[in-house]
């Protein structure tokens, strides 16, 4: 049986991806931040040593709180440098993705449109996306598909933390609603189920046409 490892799967997008993959014939390992905290590199290394191969890897984690640039501390930079960048890089170094497998990175639309409220997230998610894109070319020789999913306004606790009036905000969006986490979960499982391979290296802007950029 093929294996899938899903990080940040206790709620929101990660949980929806995990639930959707469980409907396929897969052994799904669903992890919360209490199981593996990607800001704690010892935790990351320990997990990777015990789980050093998989067919499907989903790299997902929560983002930093809103912090004004002048108030960001060295401890903040260090923590999220590990959580959003180094921890994921270590997992990609130490967990072997089997030939024909899949790697999904759940990042954010801030990789295309940096957000002044999310300076730390904008910086480190963009940095990891660059690493991810470079690796997609290397992994392609083994038919490993790597897809970067950049969610916009999705109906999660994270969005509720960032937006004061969610209902009013939703009305301002092109589709007049927030995206459903299940839509991302179903997208991921459909890629795997239908063995879609040639999408590798793509960034999927999952934002209901809310963004202004073309590419």
C-alpha atoms as a PDB file:
ATOM      1  CA  UNK A   1       0.000   0.000   0.000  1.00  0.00           C
ATOM      2  CA  UNK A   2       1.275   3.453  -0.872  1.00  0.00           C
ATOM      3  CA  UNK A   3       1.935   5.924   1.926  1.00  0.00           C
ATOM      4  CA  UNK A   4       1.071   9.603   2.346  1.00  0.00           C
ATOM      5  CA  UNK A   5       2.475  11.901   5.030  1.00  0.00           C
ATOM      6  CA  UNK A   6       0.498  15.081   5.733  1.00  0.00           C
ATOM      7  CA  UNK A   7       1.877  17.786   8.007  1.00  0.00           C
ATOM      8  CA  UNK A   8      -0.371  20.307   9.748  1.00  0.00           C
ATOM      9  CA  UNK A   9      -3.323  17.943   9.446  1.00  0.00           C
ATOM     10  CA  UNK A  10      -5.161  18.680  12.684  1.00  0.00           C
ATOM     11  CA  UNK A  11      -7.441  21.313  11.156  1.00  0.00           C
ATOM     12  CA  UNK A  12      -8.203  23.466   8.145  1.00  0.00           C
ATOM     13  CA  UNK A  13      -6.563  22.775   4.805  1.00  0.00           C
ATOM     14  CA  UNK A  14      -4.220  20.092   6.133  1.00  0.00           C
ATOM     15  CA  UNK A  15      -7.066  18.114   7.685  1.00  0.00           C
ATOM     16  CA  UNK A  16      -9.115  18.367   4.499  1.00  0.00           C
ATOM     17  CA  UNK A  17      -6.204  17.059   2.436  1.00  0.00           C
ATOM     18  CA  UNK A  18      -5.662  14.206   4.880  1.00  0.00           C
ATOM     19  CA  UNK A  19      -9.365  13.298   4.915  1.00  0.00           C
ATOM     20  CA  UNK A  20      -9.531  13.353   1.119  1.00  0.00           C
ATOM     21  CA  UNK A  21      -6.436  11.179   0.700  1.00  0.00           C
ATOM     22  CA  UNK A  22      -7.852   8.665   3.177  1.00  0.00           C
ATOM     23  CA  UNK A  23     -10.638   7.976   0.681  1.00  0.00           C
ATOM     24  CA  UNK A  24      -8.007   6.553  -1.666  1.00  0.00           C
ATOM     25  CA  UNK A  25      -6.187   3.267  -1.149  1.00  0.00           C
ATOM     26  CA  UNK A  26      -3.416   4.884   0.900  1.00  0.00           C
ATOM     27  CA  UNK A  27      -1.804   4.570   4.302  1.00  0.00           C
ATOM     28  CA  UNK A  28      -2.113   8.182   5.505  1.00  0.00           C
ATOM     29  CA  UNK A  29      -0.007   9.524   8.366  1.00  0.00           C
ATOM     30  CA  UNK A  30      -1.719  12.700   9.608  1.00  0.00           C
ATOM     31  CA  UNK A  31       0.426  14.932  11.801  1.00  0.00           C
ATOM     32  CA  UNK A  32      -0.388  17.891  14.003  1.00  0.00           C
ATOM     33  CA  UNK A  33       2.123  20.439  15.301  1.00  0.00           C
ATOM     34  CA  UNK A  34       2.185  18.446  18.539  1.00  0.00           C
ATOM     35  CA  UNK A  35       3.403  15.420  16.609  1.00  0.00           C
ATOM     36  CA  UNK A  36       6.008  17.337  14.602  1.00  0.00           C
ATOM     37  CA  UNK A  37       6.734  21.018  15.119  1.00  0.00           C
ATOM     38  CA  UNK A  38       8.612  22.207  12.040  1.00  0.00           C
ATOM     39  CA  UNK A  39      10.035  25.135  14.021  1.00  0.00           C
ATOM     40  CA  UNK A  40      11.795  22.551  16.228  1.00  0.00           C
ATOM     41  CA  UNK A  41      14.520  21.047  14.050  1.00  0.00           C
ATOM     42  CA  UNK A  42      15.170  18.245  16.552  1.00  0.00           C
ATOM     43  CA  UNK A  43      11.522  17.220  16.192  1.00  0.00           C
ATOM     44  CA  UNK A  44      11.831  17.356  12.402  1.00  0.00           C
ATOM     45  CA  UNK A  45      15.011  15.280  12.321  1.00  0.00           C
ATOM     46  CA  UNK A  46      13.616  12.692  14.725  1.00  0.00           C
ATOM     47  CA  UNK A  47      10.495  12.201  12.609  1.00  0.00           C
ATOM     48  CA  UNK A  48      12.448  11.982   9.353  1.00  0.00           C
ATOM     49  CA  UNK A  49      14.771   9.350  10.770  1.00  0.00           C
ATOM     50  CA  UNK A  50      11.814   7.149  11.697  1.00  0.00           C
ATOM     51  CA  UNK A  51       9.832   7.844   8.515  1.00  0.00           C
ATOM     52  CA  UNK A  52      12.457   8.109   5.804  1.00  0.00           C
ATOM     53  CA  UNK A  53      10.361   7.268   2.740  1.00  0.00           C
ATOM     54  CA  UNK A  54       6.906   7.924   1.352  1.00  0.00           C
ATOM     55  CA  UNK A  55       4.963   8.079  -1.894  1.00  0.00           C
ATOM     56  CA  UNK A  56       3.179  11.346  -1.140  1.00  0.00           C
ATOM     57  CA  UNK A  57       4.407  14.212   1.028  1.00  0.00           C
ATOM     58  CA  UNK A  58       2.256  17.214   1.958  1.00  0.00           C
ATOM     59  CA  UNK A  59       4.224  20.085   3.511  1.00  0.00           C
ATOM     60  CA  UNK A  60       1.834  22.283   5.454  1.00  0.00           C
ATOM     61  CA  UNK A  61       2.052  24.421   8.564  1.00  0.00           C
ATOM     62  CA  UNK A  62       0.340  27.382  10.148  1.00  0.00           C
ATOM     63  CA  UNK A  63       1.680  30.868   9.639  1.00  0.00           C
ATOM     64  CA  UNK A  64       2.993  33.585  11.953  1.00  0.00           C
ATOM     65  CA  UNK A  65       0.689  36.067  13.673  1.00  0.00           C
ATOM     66  CA  UNK A  66       0.349  39.626  12.447  1.00  0.00           C
ATOM     67  CA  UNK A  67       3.399  41.517  13.724  1.00  0.00           C
ATOM     68  CA  UNK A  68       4.441  45.017  12.728  1.00  0.00           C
ATOM     69  CA  UNK A  69       7.904  45.067  11.171  1.00  0.00           C
ATOM     70  CA  UNK A  70       9.372  47.228  13.946  1.00  0.00           C
ATOM     71  CA  UNK A  71       8.156  44.759  16.567  1.00  0.00           C
ATOM     72  CA  UNK A  72       9.507  41.563  14.989  1.00  0.00           C
ATOM     73  CA  UNK A  73      12.141  40.094  17.316  1.00  0.00           C
ATOM     74  CA  UNK A  74      15.137  37.927  16.534  1.00  0.00           C
ATOM     75  CA  UNK A  75      13.283  35.063  18.218  1.00  0.00           C
ATOM     76  CA  UNK A  76      10.373  35.561  15.787  1.00  0.00           C
ATOM     77  CA  UNK A  77      12.713  35.508  12.773  1.00  0.00           C
ATOM     78  CA  UNK A  78      14.494  32.399  14.067  1.00  0.00           C
ATOM     79  CA  UNK A  79      11.296  30.488  14.852  1.00  0.00           C
ATOM     80  CA  UNK A  80       9.612  31.063  11.507  1.00  0.00           C
ATOM     81  CA  UNK A  81      12.840  30.724   9.561  1.00  0.00           C
ATOM     82  CA  UNK A  82      12.811  27.136  10.832  1.00  0.00           C
ATOM     83  CA  UNK A  83       9.046  26.560  10.660  1.00  0.00           C
ATOM     84  CA  UNK A  84       8.455  27.862   7.125  1.00  0.00           C
ATOM     85  CA  UNK A  85      11.797  27.169   5.464  1.00  0.00           C
ATOM     86  CA  UNK A  86      14.508  25.075   7.123  1.00  0.00           C
ATOM     87  CA  UNK A  87      12.178  22.445   8.614  1.00  0.00           C
ATOM     88  CA  UNK A  88      10.614  21.732   5.233  1.00  0.00           C
ATOM     89  CA  UNK A  89      14.018  21.650   3.524  1.00  0.00           C
ATOM     90  CA  UNK A  90      15.246  19.062   6.026  1.00  0.00           C
ATOM     91  CA  UNK A  91      12.179  16.905   5.374  1.00  0.00           C
ATOM     92  CA  UNK A  92      12.854  17.038   1.625  1.00  0.00           C
ATOM     93  CA  UNK A  93      16.485  16.107   2.231  1.00  0.00           C
ATOM     94  CA  UNK A  94      15.816  13.214   4.593  1.00  0.00           C
ATOM     95  CA  UNK A  95      12.529  11.691   3.436  1.00  0.00           C
ATOM     96  CA  UNK A  96      12.923   9.814   0.165  1.00  0.00           C
ATOM     97  CA  UNK A  97      10.031  10.325  -2.208  1.00  0.00           C
ATOM     98  CA  UNK A  98       9.537   7.119  -4.153  1.00  0.00           C
ATOM     99  CA  UNK A  99       9.683   7.217  -7.944  1.00  0.00           C
ATOM    100  CA  UNK A 100       6.377   8.365  -9.413  1.00  0.00           C
ATOM    101  CA  UNK A 101       5.403  10.067  -6.151  1.00  0.00           C
ATOM    102  CA  UNK A 102       4.004  13.489  -5.291  1.00  0.00           C
ATOM    103  CA  UNK A 103       5.055  16.428  -3.131  1.00  0.00           C
ATOM    104  CA  UNK A 104       2.574  19.195  -2.353  1.00  0.00           C
ATOM    105  CA  UNK A 105       3.607  22.431  -0.644  1.00  0.00           C
ATOM    106  CA  UNK A 106       0.791  24.428   0.920  1.00  0.00           C
ATOM    107  CA  UNK A 107       2.132  27.968   0.950  1.00  0.00           C
ATOM    108  CA  UNK A 108       0.098  31.172   0.559  1.00  0.00           C
ATOM    109  CA  UNK A 109      -0.841  33.824  -1.954  1.00  0.00           C
ATOM    110  CA  UNK A 110       1.755  36.041  -0.245  1.00  0.00           C
ATOM    111  CA  UNK A 111       4.383  34.337  -2.409  1.00  0.00           C
ATOM    112  CA  UNK A 112       2.893  36.310  -5.318  1.00  0.00           C
ATOM    113  CA  UNK A 113       1.539  39.370  -3.485  1.00  0.00           C
ATOM    114  CA  UNK A 114       3.542  40.117  -0.317  1.00  0.00           C
ATOM    115  CA  UNK A 115       1.295  41.287   2.502  1.00  0.00           C
ATOM    116  CA  UNK A 116       2.367  44.102   4.834  1.00  0.00           C
ATOM    117  CA  UNK A 117       0.517  42.384   7.686  1.00  0.00           C
ATOM    118  CA  UNK A 118       2.348  39.118   7.045  1.00  0.00           C
ATOM    119  CA  UNK A 119       5.947  40.178   6.530  1.00  0.00           C
ATOM    120  CA  UNK A 120       7.525  37.056   8.040  1.00  0.00           C
ATOM    121  CA  UNK A 121       5.237  34.720   6.126  1.00  0.00           C
ATOM    122  CA  UNK A 122       5.794  36.639   2.886  1.00  0.00           C
ATOM    123  CA  UNK A 123       9.567  36.376   3.268  1.00  0.00           C
ATOM    124  CA  UNK A 124       9.970  32.732   4.217  1.00  0.00           C
ATOM    125  CA  UNK A 125       7.178  31.233   2.143  1.00  0.00           C
ATOM    126  CA  UNK A 126       8.631  32.940  -0.924  1.00  0.00           C
ATOM    127  CA  UNK A 127      12.075  31.589  -0.039  1.00  0.00           C
ATOM    128  CA  UNK A 128      10.787  28.038   0.319  1.00  0.00           C
ATOM    129  CA  UNK A 129       8.838  28.332  -2.928  1.00  0.00           C
ATOM    130  CA  UNK A 130      12.122  29.086  -4.702  1.00  0.00           C
ATOM    131  CA  UNK A 131      13.725  25.961  -3.250  1.00  0.00           C
ATOM    132  CA  UNK A 132      10.638  23.939  -4.147  1.00  0.00           C
ATOM    133  CA  UNK A 133      10.704  25.129  -7.763  1.00  0.00           C
ATOM    134  CA  UNK A 134      14.396  24.261  -8.148  1.00  0.00           C
ATOM    135  CA  UNK A 135      13.850  20.781  -6.692  1.00  0.00           C
ATOM    136  CA  UNK A 136      10.892  20.136  -8.999  1.00  0.00           C
ATOM    137  CA  UNK A 137      13.323  20.001 -11.933  1.00  0.00           C
ATOM    138  CA  UNK A 138      15.622  17.574 -10.146  1.00  0.00           C
ATOM    139  CA  UNK A 139      12.803  15.305  -8.985  1.00  0.00           C
ATOM    140  CA  UNK A 140      11.137  15.298 -12.407  1.00  0.00           C
ATOM    141  CA  UNK A 141      13.683  12.790 -13.708  1.00  0.00           C
ATOM    142  CA  UNK A 142      12.079  10.249 -11.339  1.00  0.00           C
ATOM    143  CA  UNK A 143       8.515  11.167 -12.348  1.00  0.00           C
ATOM    144  CA  UNK A 144       7.970  12.878  -8.995  1.00  0.00           C
ATOM    145  CA  UNK A 145       5.391  15.629  -9.311  1.00  0.00           C
ATOM    146  CA  UNK A 146       5.819  18.728  -7.133  1.00  0.00           C
ATOM    147  CA  UNK A 147       2.940  21.214  -6.901  1.00  0.00           C
ATOM    148  CA  UNK A 148       2.915  24.444  -4.903  1.00  0.00           C
ATOM    149  CA  UNK A 149      -0.613  25.358  -3.786  1.00  0.00           C
ATOM    150  CA  UNK A 150      -0.946  29.033  -2.839  1.00  0.00           C
ATOM    151  CA  UNK A 151      -4.277  29.500  -1.043  1.00  0.00           C
ATOM    152  CA  UNK A 152      -6.022  32.841  -0.878  1.00  0.00           C
ATOM    153  CA  UNK A 153      -9.015  33.500   1.403  1.00  0.00           C
ATOM    154  CA  UNK A 154     -10.091  30.055   2.616  1.00  0.00           C
ATOM    155  CA  UNK A 155     -12.652  29.388   5.350  1.00  0.00           C
ATOM    156  CA  UNK A 156     -10.219  28.397   8.080  1.00  0.00           C
ATOM    157  CA  UNK A 157      -9.371  29.523  11.595  1.00  0.00           C
ATOM    158  CA  UNK A 158      -6.307  31.224  10.110  1.00  0.00           C
ATOM    159  CA  UNK A 159      -8.470  33.525   7.971  1.00  0.00           C
ATOM    160  CA  UNK A 160     -10.633  34.337  10.976  1.00  0.00           C
ATOM    161  CA  UNK A 161      -7.496  35.340  12.876  1.00  0.00           C
ATOM    162  CA  UNK A 162      -6.472  37.742  10.108  1.00  0.00           C
ATOM    163  CA  UNK A 163      -9.843  39.272   9.157  1.00  0.00           C
ATOM    164  CA  UNK A 164     -12.000  41.299  11.560  1.00  0.00           C
ATOM    165  CA  UNK A 165     -15.375  40.753   9.900  1.00  0.00           C
ATOM    166  CA  UNK A 166     -15.265  37.549   7.882  1.00  0.00           C
ATOM    167  CA  UNK A 167     -18.825  37.793   6.569  1.00  0.00           C
ATOM    168  CA  UNK A 168     -18.327  41.296   5.187  1.00  0.00           C
ATOM    169  CA  UNK A 169     -14.932  40.331   3.799  1.00  0.00           C
ATOM    170  CA  UNK A 170     -16.456  37.344   1.995  1.00  0.00           C
ATOM    171  CA  UNK A 171     -18.999  39.609   0.284  1.00  0.00           C
ATOM    172  CA  UNK A 172     -16.133  41.640  -1.186  1.00  0.00           C
ATOM    173  CA  UNK A 173     -14.609  38.627  -2.940  1.00  0.00           C
ATOM    174  CA  UNK A 174     -15.286  37.796  -6.610  1.00  0.00           C
ATOM    175  CA  UNK A 175     -17.217  34.634  -5.698  1.00  0.00           C
ATOM    176  CA  UNK A 176     -18.857  36.320  -2.693  1.00  0.00           C
ATOM    177  CA  UNK A 177     -17.576  33.557  -0.442  1.00  0.00           C
ATOM    178  CA  UNK A 178     -14.471  32.097   1.118  1.00  0.00           C
ATOM    179  CA  UNK A 179     -12.924  29.009  -0.390  1.00  0.00           C
ATOM    180  CA  UNK A 180     -13.675  25.677   1.246  1.00  0.00           C
ATOM    181  CA  UNK A 181     -10.759  23.664   2.675  1.00  0.00           C
ATOM    182  CA  UNK A 182     -12.402  20.607   1.123  1.00  0.00           C
ATOM    183  CA  UNK A 183     -11.889  22.105  -2.329  1.00  0.00           C
ATOM    184  CA  UNK A 184      -8.135  21.999  -1.817  1.00  0.00           C
ATOM    185  CA  UNK A 185      -8.355  18.517  -0.311  1.00  0.00           C
ATOM    186  CA  UNK A 186     -10.305  17.240  -3.285  1.00  0.00           C
ATOM    187  CA  UNK A 187      -7.889  18.894  -5.693  1.00  0.00           C
ATOM    188  CA  UNK A 188      -4.913  17.128  -4.116  1.00  0.00           C
ATOM    189  CA  UNK A 189      -6.611  13.731  -4.035  1.00  0.00           C
ATOM    190  CA  UNK A 190      -7.781  14.096  -7.645  1.00  0.00           C
ATOM    191  CA  UNK A 191      -4.207  14.782  -8.786  1.00  0.00           C
ATOM    192  CA  UNK A 192      -3.067  11.609  -7.054  1.00  0.00           C
ATOM    193  CA  UNK A 193      -6.054   9.473  -8.044  1.00  0.00           C
ATOM    194  CA  UNK A 194      -5.844  10.408 -11.724  1.00  0.00           C
ATOM    195  CA  UNK A 195      -2.036  10.205 -11.816  1.00  0.00           C
ATOM    196  CA  UNK A 196      -1.649  13.716 -13.212  1.00  0.00           C
ATOM    197  CA  UNK A 197       2.096  14.152 -13.573  1.00  0.00           C
ATOM    198  CA  UNK A 198       2.891  16.913 -16.075  1.00  0.00           C
ATOM    199  CA  UNK A 199       1.713  19.697 -13.769  1.00  0.00           C
ATOM    200  CA  UNK A 200       4.984  19.444 -11.866  1.00  0.00           C
ATOM    201  CA  UNK A 201       6.623  22.746 -10.949  1.00  0.00           C
ATOM    202  CA  UNK A 202       3.345  24.667 -11.119  1.00  0.00           C
ATOM    203  CA  UNK A 203       2.023  27.139  -8.582  1.00  0.00           C
ATOM    204  CA  UNK A 204      -1.745  26.819  -8.176  1.00  0.00           C
ATOM    205  CA  UNK A 205      -3.327  30.118  -7.103  1.00  0.00           C
ATOM    206  CA  UNK A 206      -6.263  28.764  -5.098  1.00  0.00           C
ATOM    207  CA  UNK A 207      -8.011  32.058  -4.489  1.00  0.00           C
ATOM    208  CA  UNK A 208     -11.322  32.214  -6.362  1.00  0.00           C
ATOM    209  CA  UNK A 209      -9.984  34.827  -8.823  1.00  0.00           C
ATOM    210  CA  UNK A 210      -9.216  37.220  -5.963  1.00  0.00           C
ATOM    211  CA  UNK A 211      -5.622  37.951  -6.978  1.00  0.00           C
ATOM    212  CA  UNK A 212      -4.558  40.537  -9.545  1.00  0.00           C
ATOM    213  CA  UNK A 213      -1.427  38.903 -10.909  1.00  0.00           C
ATOM    214  CA  UNK A 214      -1.456  37.079 -14.247  1.00  0.00           C
ATOM    215  CA  UNK A 215       1.090  34.347 -13.545  1.00  0.00           C
END
